Amino acid sequence: MRKIVVLGAKGMLGHELLKAFAGVHQVTALDIDELDIFDLDATIGALQTLHPDLVIHSAAYTDVDGCELDPDKAHQVNALGSRNVAIGCQKTDAAMVYISTDYVFNGQKTGPYQEWDTTGPINVYGTSKLAGENFVRSLCLRHYVVRTSWLYGRHGKNFVDTIARLARERDSLRVVVDQTGSPTWAHDLADKIAELVRKEAYGTYHITNSDTCTWFQFASEIVARMGLETRVEPVTSEQYVRPAKRPTNSVLDNYYLRLEGFSQMRSYRQALREYLKS
C-alpha cells in the first residue's frame, strides 16, 4: 500500500482519482480549502507532514476563457502552483503526476500530436499549463506529465453536461465544426493513471479515449443518444467568437502509452454511452 496525495480532489478528475485509488492505497484528498498550492511554504510543509510516495496534481484553473481574461490567476495556479508542488515532491522524495492538456499545441499539425512534438500554445491556458510542465520536468526528478483532452465527467462544468442541458431547453444549438479532438471521460483517465503509476516508467504521456470528432459531431452524438430532436447546427470558430483561441487540431496520439505495453483506451463513443446511462 502506497501513500498517495490527490490535489484538486474536489474537481472533476479529482473525484475519479479518489475512486480509482480507494481501497488499494492510503489516499489523502486535498483541495483549495485544505491547501493553497500558490503558497510555497504551506505546500512544502503539507507534503513534509504527509510524506507521500506519490502526489497526483490535478488542481488547475481550467476555465480557458477565464484564463485569457485573467492571465495572472492562470499563471499563479497552473504555472507557479505546479512549481511549488514539484519542489515539495522533490524535497519529500515523492513521485509526481502532473495533469496537462492538448492546448499546449498550436493545432496546426495535420495528424495526431505525439509526445515529443514541438509545443506552441495559442492561448493563456495552454501557455500556463506548458509552464507548469516545464517546472515539473526541471524540479521533480520522478514525474509523469499526463496530457489529456476534452475532459468531461461528474463534479465539474463540462461539454457533455452543458449540451445535454441546452438540448432539453432549446430547439436548436450552434456548435463549432472546425476543431477536432478526442473527448475523454475523467473516469477512464483516472483508471489509466492508476494503471500507469504502478510502473516507474516516468516521462510524458498522452492519455485520451480513442477515436476523434469535431465539437459539432460530439454534440450531435450526445443529442442523438439522449433521444432528442434538437437541431445541432455547425458554425465556424470565426462565427463563434470567444475570448481565447482554440487549436484547430488537438488530437493526441497515445504513442508512449502503447510502447510501454499499456492497453489502448476505449473509443470515446463507448465511454459516452456509459456516461450518459450513468
C-alpha atoms as a PDB file:
ATOM      1  CA  MET A   1       0.000   0.000   0.000  1.00  0.00           C
ATOM      2  CA  ARG A   2       1.342   3.414  -1.038  1.00  0.00           C
ATOM      3  CA  LYS A   3       0.646   6.818   0.487  1.00  0.00           C
ATOM      4  CA  ILE A   4      -0.925   8.989  -2.195  1.00  0.00           C
ATOM      5  CA  VAL A   5      -1.986  12.642  -2.110  1.00  0.00           C
ATOM      6  CA  VAL A   6      -4.546  13.873  -4.634  1.00  0.00           C
ATOM      7  CA  LEU A   7      -4.509  17.646  -5.162  1.00  0.00           C
ATOM      8  CA  GLY A   8      -7.643  19.166  -6.645  1.00  0.00           C
ATOM      9  CA  ALA A   9      -9.601  16.344  -5.060  1.00  0.00           C
ATOM     10  CA  LYS A  10     -12.968  18.118  -5.322  1.00  0.00           C
ATOM     11  CA  GLY A  11     -12.622  18.650  -9.053  1.00  0.00           C
ATOM     12  CA  MET A  12     -13.971  16.526 -11.878  1.00  0.00           C
ATOM     13  CA  LEU A  13     -10.833  14.415 -12.286  1.00  0.00           C
ATOM     14  CA  GLY A  14     -10.009  14.538  -8.579  1.00  0.00           C
ATOM     15  CA  HIS A  15     -13.243  12.748  -7.673  1.00  0.00           C
ATOM     16  CA  GLU A  16     -12.471   9.994 -10.174  1.00  0.00           C
ATOM     17  CA  LEU A  17      -8.872   9.648  -8.972  1.00  0.00           C
ATOM     18  CA  LEU A  18     -10.062   9.125  -5.409  1.00  0.00           C
ATOM     19  CA  LYS A  19     -12.339   6.315  -6.599  1.00  0.00           C
ATOM     20  CA  ALA A  20      -9.594   4.768  -8.744  1.00  0.00           C
ATOM     21  CA  PHE A  21      -7.141   4.542  -5.842  1.00  0.00           C
ATOM     22  CA  ALA A  22      -9.575   3.952  -2.949  1.00  0.00           C
ATOM     23  CA  GLY A  23      -9.238   0.677  -1.067  1.00  0.00           C
ATOM     24  CA  VAL A  24      -5.877  -0.080  -2.651  1.00  0.00           C
ATOM     25  CA  HIS A  25      -3.762   2.735  -1.258  1.00  0.00           C
ATOM     26  CA  GLN A  26      -3.791   5.205   1.630  1.00  0.00           C
ATOM     27  CA  VAL A  27      -5.165   8.299  -0.089  1.00  0.00           C
ATOM     28  CA  THR A  28      -5.265  11.861   1.251  1.00  0.00           C
ATOM     29  CA  ALA A  29      -7.596  14.257  -0.568  1.00  0.00           C
ATOM     30  CA  LEU A  30      -6.636  17.935  -0.620  1.00  0.00           C
ATOM     31  CA  ASP A  31      -8.333  20.866  -2.318  1.00  0.00           C
ATOM     32  CA  ILE A  32      -8.075  24.653  -2.102  1.00  0.00           C
ATOM     33  CA  ASP A  33      -9.867  24.645   1.270  1.00  0.00           C
ATOM     34  CA  GLU A  34      -7.116  22.479   2.773  1.00  0.00           C
ATOM     35  CA  LEU A  35      -4.092  23.704   0.814  1.00  0.00           C
ATOM     36  CA  ASP A  36      -3.409  26.731  -1.371  1.00  0.00           C
ATOM     37  CA  ILE A  37      -0.696  25.495  -3.727  1.00  0.00           C
ATOM     38  CA  PHE A  38       0.281  29.077  -4.564  1.00  0.00           C
ATOM     39  CA  ASP A  39       1.709  29.257  -1.022  1.00  0.00           C
ATOM     40  CA  LEU A  40       5.137  27.642  -1.427  1.00  0.00           C
ATOM     41  CA  ASP A  41       5.891  27.224   2.286  1.00  0.00           C
ATOM     42  CA  ALA A  42       2.453  25.775   3.001  1.00  0.00           C
ATOM     43  CA  THR A  43       2.775  23.335   0.097  1.00  0.00           C
ATOM     44  CA  ILE A  44       6.199  22.127   1.191  1.00  0.00           C
ATOM     45  CA  GLY A  45       5.032  21.896   4.801  1.00  0.00           C
ATOM     46  CA  ALA A  46       1.928  19.869   3.933  1.00  0.00           C
ATOM     47  CA  LEU A  47       3.914  17.355   1.886  1.00  0.00           C
ATOM     48  CA  GLN A  48       6.613  17.103   4.552  1.00  0.00           C
ATOM     49  CA  THR A  49       3.911  16.302   7.114  1.00  0.00           C
ATOM     50  CA  LEU A  50       2.143  13.744   4.916  1.00  0.00           C
ATOM     51  CA  HIS A  51       5.343  12.369   3.334  1.00  0.00           C
ATOM     52  CA  PRO A  52       3.534  10.651   0.431  1.00  0.00           C
ATOM     53  CA  ASP A  53       5.022   8.203  -2.036  1.00  0.00           C
ATOM     54  CA  LEU A  54       3.080   9.837  -4.875  1.00  0.00           C
ATOM     55  CA  VAL A  55       1.359  13.184  -5.432  1.00  0.00           C
ATOM     56  CA  ILE A  56      -1.236  13.471  -8.213  1.00  0.00           C
ATOM     57  CA  HIS A  57      -1.540  17.135  -9.096  1.00  0.00           C
ATOM     58  CA  SER A  58      -4.946  17.635 -10.715  1.00  0.00           C
ATOM     59  CA  ALA A  59      -5.563  21.094  -9.262  1.00  0.00           C
ATOM     60  CA  ALA A  60      -5.751  23.705 -12.019  1.00  0.00           C
ATOM     61  CA  TYR A  61      -7.520  26.779 -13.323  1.00  0.00           C
ATOM     62  CA  THR A  62      -9.179  25.144 -16.333  1.00  0.00           C
ATOM     63  CA  ASP A  63     -11.572  27.874 -17.486  1.00  0.00           C
ATOM     64  CA  VAL A  64      -9.945  28.546 -20.875  1.00  0.00           C
ATOM     65  CA  ASP A  65     -11.708  31.850 -21.475  1.00  0.00           C
ATOM     66  CA  GLY A  66     -11.287  32.830 -17.831  1.00  0.00           C
ATOM     67  CA  CYS A  67      -7.536  32.311 -18.163  1.00  0.00           C
ATOM     68  CA  GLU A  68      -7.476  34.615 -21.193  1.00  0.00           C
ATOM     69  CA  LEU A  69      -9.231  37.343 -19.217  1.00  0.00           C
ATOM     70  CA  ASP A  70      -7.126  36.834 -16.059  1.00  0.00           C
ATOM     71  CA  PRO A  71      -3.648  35.634 -17.080  1.00  0.00           C
ATOM     72  CA  ASP A  72      -2.183  36.416 -13.655  1.00  0.00           C
ATOM     73  CA  LYS A  73      -4.512  33.923 -11.984  1.00  0.00           C
ATOM     74  CA  ALA A  74      -3.811  31.357 -14.709  1.00  0.00           C
ATOM     75  CA  HIS A  75      -0.054  31.532 -14.151  1.00  0.00           C
ATOM     76  CA  GLN A  76      -0.346  31.697 -10.370  1.00  0.00           C
ATOM     77  CA  VAL A  77      -2.302  28.447 -10.275  1.00  0.00           C
ATOM     78  CA  ASN A  78      -1.186  26.492 -13.333  1.00  0.00           C
ATOM     79  CA  ALA A  79       2.468  27.530 -13.507  1.00  0.00           C
ATOM     80  CA  LEU A  80       3.694  28.723 -10.112  1.00  0.00           C
ATOM     81  CA  GLY A  81       1.347  26.460  -8.166  1.00  0.00           C
ATOM     82  CA  SER A  82       2.688  23.491 -10.094  1.00  0.00           C
ATOM     83  CA  ARG A  83       6.235  24.699  -9.449  1.00  0.00           C
ATOM     84  CA  ASN A  84       5.504  24.676  -5.728  1.00  0.00           C
ATOM     85  CA  VAL A  85       4.099  21.162  -5.836  1.00  0.00           C
ATOM     86  CA  ALA A  86       7.146  19.976  -7.805  1.00  0.00           C
ATOM     87  CA  ILE A  87       9.513  21.498  -5.242  1.00  0.00           C
ATOM     88  CA  GLY A  88       7.549  19.887  -2.416  1.00  0.00           C
ATOM     89  CA  CYS A  89       7.656  16.498  -4.125  1.00  0.00           C
ATOM     90  CA  GLN A  90      11.395  16.696  -4.722  1.00  0.00           C
ATOM     91  CA  LYS A  91      12.053  17.716  -1.108  1.00  0.00           C
ATOM     92  CA  THR A  92      10.000  14.789   0.227  1.00  0.00           C
ATOM     93  CA  ASP A  93      11.204  12.260  -2.380  1.00  0.00           C
ATOM     94  CA  ALA A  94       7.679  11.790  -3.735  1.00  0.00           C
ATOM     95  CA  ALA A  95       6.912  10.916  -7.339  1.00  0.00           C
ATOM     96  CA  MET A  96       4.559  13.336  -9.070  1.00  0.00           C
ATOM     97  CA  VAL A  97       1.788  13.129 -11.675  1.00  0.00           C
ATOM     98  CA  TYR A  98       1.053  16.445 -13.390  1.00  0.00           C
ATOM     99  CA  ILE A  99      -2.144  16.694 -15.431  1.00  0.00           C
ATOM    100  CA  SER A 100      -1.621  18.764 -18.568  1.00  0.00           C
ATOM    101  CA  THR A 101      -3.555  19.476 -21.736  1.00  0.00           C
ATOM    102  CA  ASP A 102      -3.780  19.191 -25.508  1.00  0.00           C
ATOM    103  CA  TYR A 103      -3.808  23.001 -25.570  1.00  0.00           C
ATOM    104  CA  VAL A 104      -0.017  23.103 -25.216  1.00  0.00           C
ATOM    105  CA  PHE A 105      -0.021  22.587 -29.024  1.00  0.00           C
ATOM    106  CA  ASN A 106      -0.945  25.171 -31.666  1.00  0.00           C
ATOM    107  CA  GLY A 107      -3.280  22.872 -33.612  1.00  0.00           C
ATOM    108  CA  GLN A 108      -1.614  23.321 -36.998  1.00  0.00           C
ATOM    109  CA  LYS A 109      -0.347  19.751 -37.397  1.00  0.00           C
ATOM    110  CA  THR A 110      -2.291  17.652 -39.898  1.00  0.00           C
ATOM    111  CA  GLY A 111      -2.076  14.410 -37.880  1.00  0.00           C
ATOM    112  CA  PRO A 112      -2.217  13.469 -34.191  1.00  0.00           C
ATOM    113  CA  TYR A 113       0.328  15.025 -31.854  1.00  0.00           C
ATOM    114  CA  GLN A 114       2.991  12.740 -30.384  1.00  0.00           C
ATOM    115  CA  GLU A 115       4.569  13.363 -27.008  1.00  0.00           C
ATOM    116  CA  TRP A 116       7.773  14.813 -28.481  1.00  0.00           C
ATOM    117  CA  ASP A 117       6.126  17.217 -30.930  1.00  0.00           C
ATOM    118  CA  THR A 118       7.031  20.880 -30.620  1.00  0.00           C
ATOM    119  CA  THR A 119       4.664  22.762 -28.345  1.00  0.00           C
ATOM    120  CA  GLY A 120       3.308  26.225 -29.132  1.00  0.00           C
ATOM    121  CA  PRO A 121       0.171  27.199 -27.215  1.00  0.00           C
ATOM    122  CA  ILE A 122      -2.091  29.860 -28.708  1.00  0.00           C
ATOM    123  CA  ASN A 123      -3.935  30.852 -25.538  1.00  0.00           C
ATOM    124  CA  VAL A 124      -3.095  31.745 -21.940  1.00  0.00           C
ATOM    125  CA  TYR A 125      -4.445  28.484 -20.554  1.00  0.00           C
ATOM    126  CA  GLY A 126      -2.123  26.424 -22.765  1.00  0.00           C
ATOM    127  CA  THR A 127       0.812  28.734 -22.028  1.00  0.00           C
ATOM    128  CA  SER A 128       0.312  28.469 -18.263  1.00  0.00           C
ATOM    129  CA  LYS A 129      -0.061  24.680 -18.385  1.00  0.00           C
ATOM    130  CA  LEU A 130       3.083  24.350 -20.510  1.00  0.00           C
ATOM    131  CA  ALA A 131       4.959  26.485 -17.984  1.00  0.00           C
ATOM    132  CA  GLY A 132       3.732  24.050 -15.326  1.00  0.00           C
ATOM    133  CA  GLU A 133       5.070  21.136 -17.379  1.00  0.00           C
ATOM    134  CA  ASN A 134       8.476  22.788 -17.624  1.00  0.00           C
ATOM    135  CA  PHE A 135       8.630  23.442 -13.893  1.00  0.00           C
ATOM    136  CA  VAL A 136       7.731  19.831 -13.124  1.00  0.00           C
ATOM    137  CA  ARG A 137      10.351  18.430 -15.500  1.00  0.00           C
ATOM    138  CA  SER A 138      13.104  20.671 -14.150  1.00  0.00           C
ATOM    139  CA  LEU A 139      12.303  20.473 -10.442  1.00  0.00           C
ATOM    140  CA  CYS A 140      10.986  16.960  -9.766  1.00  0.00           C
ATOM    141  CA  LEU A 141      13.136  14.040 -10.869  1.00  0.00           C
ATOM    142  CA  ARG A 142      10.449  11.334 -10.705  1.00  0.00           C
ATOM    143  CA  HIS A 143       7.481  12.659 -12.645  1.00  0.00           C
ATOM    144  CA  TYR A 144       4.720  11.708 -15.051  1.00  0.00           C
ATOM    145  CA  VAL A 145       3.378  14.505 -17.242  1.00  0.00           C
ATOM    146  CA  VAL A 146      -0.032  13.366 -18.483  1.00  0.00           C
ATOM    147  CA  ARG A 147      -1.625  15.336 -21.304  1.00  0.00           C
ATOM    148  CA  THR A 148      -5.304  14.738 -21.947  1.00  0.00           C
ATOM    149  CA  SER A 149      -8.060  16.412 -23.952  1.00  0.00           C
ATOM    150  CA  TRP A 150     -11.706  17.456 -23.968  1.00  0.00           C
ATOM    151  CA  LEU A 151     -12.288  16.095 -20.469  1.00  0.00           C
ATOM    152  CA  TYR A 152     -15.806  15.557 -19.143  1.00  0.00           C
ATOM    153  CA  GLY A 153     -17.351  13.904 -16.095  1.00  0.00           C
ATOM    154  CA  ARG A 154     -19.364  14.497 -12.950  1.00  0.00           C
ATOM    155  CA  HIS A 155     -18.495  17.165 -10.379  1.00  0.00           C
ATOM    156  CA  GLY A 156     -17.489  19.875 -12.813  1.00  0.00           C
ATOM    157  CA  LYS A 157     -18.621  22.032 -15.714  1.00  0.00           C
ATOM    158  CA  ASN A 158     -18.103  20.169 -18.981  1.00  0.00           C
ATOM    159  CA  PHE A 159     -19.241  20.000 -22.594  1.00  0.00           C
ATOM    160  CA  VAL A 160     -21.386  16.858 -22.321  1.00  0.00           C
ATOM    161  CA  ASP A 161     -23.490  18.111 -19.418  1.00  0.00           C
ATOM    162  CA  THR A 162     -23.820  21.558 -20.995  1.00  0.00           C
ATOM    163  CA  ILE A 163     -25.024  20.162 -24.324  1.00  0.00           C
ATOM    164  CA  ALA A 164     -27.393  17.762 -22.561  1.00  0.00           C
ATOM    165  CA  ARG A 165     -28.928  20.622 -20.572  1.00  0.00           C
ATOM    166  CA  LEU A 166     -29.219  23.019 -23.518  1.00  0.00           C
ATOM    167  CA  ALA A 167     -30.672  20.317 -25.772  1.00  0.00           C
ATOM    168  CA  ARG A 168     -33.551  19.921 -23.303  1.00  0.00           C
ATOM    169  CA  GLU A 169     -34.132  23.680 -23.174  1.00  0.00           C
ATOM    170  CA  ARG A 170     -33.773  24.738 -26.826  1.00  0.00           C
ATOM    171  CA  ASP A 171     -34.947  23.746 -30.290  1.00  0.00           C
ATOM    172  CA  SER A 172     -31.502  24.227 -31.836  1.00  0.00           C
ATOM    173  CA  LEU A 173     -27.837  24.532 -30.865  1.00  0.00           C
ATOM    174  CA  ARG A 174     -24.892  26.115 -32.695  1.00  0.00           C
ATOM    175  CA  VAL A 175     -21.650  24.172 -32.237  1.00  0.00           C
ATOM    176  CA  VAL A 176     -18.164  24.662 -33.680  1.00  0.00           C
ATOM    177  CA  VAL A 177     -17.357  22.332 -36.592  1.00  0.00           C
ATOM    178  CA  ASP A 178     -13.703  23.177 -37.310  1.00  0.00           C
ATOM    179  CA  GLN A 179     -11.992  21.958 -34.123  1.00  0.00           C
ATOM    180  CA  THR A 180     -11.077  18.277 -33.802  1.00  0.00           C
ATOM    181  CA  GLY A 181     -10.037  16.291 -30.739  1.00  0.00           C
ATOM    182  CA  SER A 182     -10.587  13.186 -28.631  1.00  0.00           C
ATOM    183  CA  PRO A 183     -13.269  13.530 -25.920  1.00  0.00           C
ATOM    184  CA  THR A 184     -12.101  11.812 -22.734  1.00  0.00           C
ATOM    185  CA  TRP A 185     -14.163  10.638 -19.769  1.00  0.00           C
ATOM    186  CA  ALA A 186     -12.479  11.533 -16.473  1.00  0.00           C
ATOM    187  CA  HIS A 187     -13.381   8.080 -15.132  1.00  0.00           C
ATOM    188  CA  ASP A 188     -11.356   6.371 -17.880  1.00  0.00           C
ATOM    189  CA  LEU A 189      -8.435   8.771 -17.476  1.00  0.00           C
ATOM    190  CA  ALA A 190      -8.258   8.168 -13.725  1.00  0.00           C
ATOM    191  CA  ASP A 191      -8.268   4.394 -14.198  1.00  0.00           C
ATOM    192  CA  LYS A 192      -5.453   4.611 -16.753  1.00  0.00           C
ATOM    193  CA  ILE A 193      -3.397   6.859 -14.468  1.00  0.00           C
ATOM    194  CA  ALA A 194      -3.825   4.303 -11.689  1.00  0.00           C
ATOM    195  CA  GLU A 195      -2.510   1.681 -14.091  1.00  0.00           C
ATOM    196  CA  LEU A 196       0.370   3.874 -15.308  1.00  0.00           C
ATOM    197  CA  VAL A 197       1.794   4.697 -11.880  1.00  0.00           C
ATOM    198  CA  ARG A 198       2.162   1.022 -10.970  1.00  0.00           C
ATOM    199  CA  LYS A 199       5.173   1.156 -13.274  1.00  0.00           C
ATOM    200  CA  GLU A 200       8.079   3.523 -12.663  1.00  0.00           C
ATOM    201  CA  ALA A 201       8.121   4.483 -16.330  1.00  0.00           C
ATOM    202  CA  TYR A 202       8.423   8.210 -15.748  1.00  0.00           C
ATOM    203  CA  GLY A 203       8.043  10.741 -18.545  1.00  0.00           C
ATOM    204  CA  THR A 204       5.429  12.441 -20.706  1.00  0.00           C
ATOM    205  CA  TYR A 205       2.292  10.585 -21.823  1.00  0.00           C
ATOM    206  CA  HIS A 206      -0.765  11.372 -23.875  1.00  0.00           C
ATOM    207  CA  ILE A 207      -3.844   9.690 -22.396  1.00  0.00           C
ATOM    208  CA  THR A 208      -7.210  10.098 -24.129  1.00  0.00           C
ATOM    209  CA  ASN A 209     -10.114   7.965 -25.174  1.00  0.00           C
ATOM    210  CA  SER A 210      -9.531   6.731 -28.731  1.00  0.00           C
ATOM    211  CA  ASP A 211     -11.170   7.943 -31.956  1.00  0.00           C
ATOM    212  CA  THR A 212     -11.740  11.590 -32.857  1.00  0.00           C
ATOM    213  CA  CYS A 213     -14.504  14.022 -33.722  1.00  0.00           C
ATOM    214  CA  THR A 214     -15.323  17.703 -34.002  1.00  0.00           C
ATOM    215  CA  TRP A 215     -17.257  19.531 -31.288  1.00  0.00           C
ATOM    216  CA  PHE A 216     -20.212  19.551 -33.719  1.00  0.00           C
ATOM    217  CA  GLN A 217     -20.035  15.776 -34.202  1.00  0.00           C
ATOM    218  CA  PHE A 218     -19.690  15.236 -30.467  1.00  0.00           C
ATOM    219  CA  ALA A 219     -22.708  17.420 -29.706  1.00  0.00           C
ATOM    220  CA  SER A 220     -24.747  15.674 -32.403  1.00  0.00           C
ATOM    221  CA  GLU A 221     -23.925  12.297 -30.874  1.00  0.00           C
ATOM    222  CA  ILE A 222     -24.866  13.473 -27.380  1.00  0.00           C
ATOM    223  CA  VAL A 223     -28.237  14.750 -28.594  1.00  0.00           C
ATOM    224  CA  ALA A 224     -28.916  11.588 -30.606  1.00  0.00           C
ATOM    225  CA  ARG A 225     -28.071   9.268 -27.713  1.00  0.00           C
ATOM    226  CA  MET A 226     -30.420  11.235 -25.478  1.00  0.00           C
ATOM    227  CA  GLY A 227     -33.210  10.609 -27.987  1.00  0.00           C
ATOM    228  CA  LEU A 228     -33.896  14.331 -28.501  1.00  0.00           C
ATOM    229  CA  GLU A 229     -34.858  16.083 -31.729  1.00  0.00           C
ATOM    230  CA  THR A 230     -32.917  19.275 -31.048  1.00  0.00           C
ATOM    231  CA  ARG A 231     -31.202  20.549 -34.217  1.00  0.00           C
ATOM    232  CA  VAL A 232     -27.427  20.865 -33.987  1.00  0.00           C
ATOM    233  CA  GLU A 233     -26.133  23.456 -36.453  1.00  0.00           C
ATOM    234  CA  PRO A 234     -22.455  23.677 -37.444  1.00  0.00           C
ATOM    235  CA  VAL A 235     -20.636  27.017 -37.152  1.00  0.00           C
ATOM    236  CA  THR A 236     -17.009  28.012 -37.676  1.00  0.00           C
ATOM    237  CA  SER A 237     -14.706  29.306 -34.978  1.00  0.00           C
ATOM    238  CA  GLU A 238     -14.881  32.724 -36.652  1.00  0.00           C
ATOM    239  CA  GLN A 239     -18.650  32.717 -36.287  1.00  0.00           C
ATOM    240  CA  TYR A 240     -18.497  31.626 -32.646  1.00  0.00           C
ATOM    241  CA  VAL A 241     -16.166  34.209 -31.129  1.00  0.00           C
ATOM    242  CA  ARG A 242     -14.739  33.541 -27.667  1.00  0.00           C
ATOM    243  CA  PRO A 243     -12.018  35.329 -25.665  1.00  0.00           C
ATOM    244  CA  ALA A 244      -9.471  32.510 -26.114  1.00  0.00           C
ATOM    245  CA  LYS A 245      -8.443  30.905 -29.376  1.00  0.00           C
ATOM    246  CA  ARG A 246      -8.669  27.108 -29.575  1.00  0.00           C
ATOM    247  CA  PRO A 247      -6.375  24.858 -31.619  1.00  0.00           C
ATOM    248  CA  THR A 248      -7.949  23.506 -34.797  1.00  0.00           C
ATOM    249  CA  ASN A 249      -6.427  20.065 -34.259  1.00  0.00           C
ATOM    250  CA  SER A 250      -5.753  18.841 -30.741  1.00  0.00           C
ATOM    251  CA  VAL A 251      -5.809  15.092 -31.316  1.00  0.00           C
ATOM    252  CA  LEU A 252      -3.246  13.358 -29.095  1.00  0.00           C
ATOM    253  CA  ASP A 253      -1.590  10.099 -30.141  1.00  0.00           C
ATOM    254  CA  ASN A 254      -1.150   7.883 -27.049  1.00  0.00           C
ATOM    255  CA  TYR A 255       2.162   6.762 -28.521  1.00  0.00           C
ATOM    256  CA  TYR A 256       4.371   6.204 -25.479  1.00  0.00           C
ATOM    257  CA  LEU A 257       1.495   4.538 -23.650  1.00  0.00           C
ATOM    258  CA  ARG A 258       1.350   1.917 -26.425  1.00  0.00           C
ATOM    259  CA  LEU A 259       5.124   1.469 -26.489  1.00  0.00           C
ATOM    260  CA  GLU A 260       5.115   0.807 -22.740  1.00  0.00           C
ATOM    261  CA  GLY A 261       2.626  -2.021 -23.318  1.00  0.00           C
ATOM    262  CA  PHE A 262      -0.495  -0.419 -21.842  1.00  0.00           C
ATOM    263  CA  SER A 263      -3.831  -1.258 -23.424  1.00  0.00           C
ATOM    264  CA  GLN A 264      -5.498   1.257 -25.706  1.00  0.00           C
ATOM    265  CA  MET A 265      -8.181   3.438 -24.201  1.00  0.00           C
ATOM    266  CA  ARG A 266     -11.684   2.583 -25.416  1.00  0.00           C
ATOM    267  CA  SER A 267     -13.455   4.701 -28.009  1.00  0.00           C
ATOM    268  CA  TYR A 268     -14.940   7.976 -26.809  1.00  0.00           C
ATOM    269  CA  ARG A 269     -18.259   6.676 -28.206  1.00  0.00           C
ATOM    270  CA  GLN A 270     -18.291   3.716 -25.835  1.00  0.00           C
ATOM    271  CA  ALA A 271     -17.321   5.944 -22.923  1.00  0.00           C
ATOM    272  CA  LEU A 272     -20.024   8.477 -23.810  1.00  0.00           C
ATOM    273  CA  ARG A 273     -22.699   5.770 -23.936  1.00  0.00           C
ATOM    274  CA  GLU A 274     -21.796   4.583 -20.452  1.00  0.00           C
ATOM    275  CA  TYR A 275     -21.546   8.116 -19.080  1.00  0.00           C
ATOM    276  CA  LEU A 276     -24.989   9.101 -20.338  1.00  0.00           C
ATOM    277  CA  LYS A 277     -26.516   5.911 -18.906  1.00  0.00           C
ATOM    278  CA  SER A 278     -24.956   6.619 -15.504  1.00  0.00           C
END
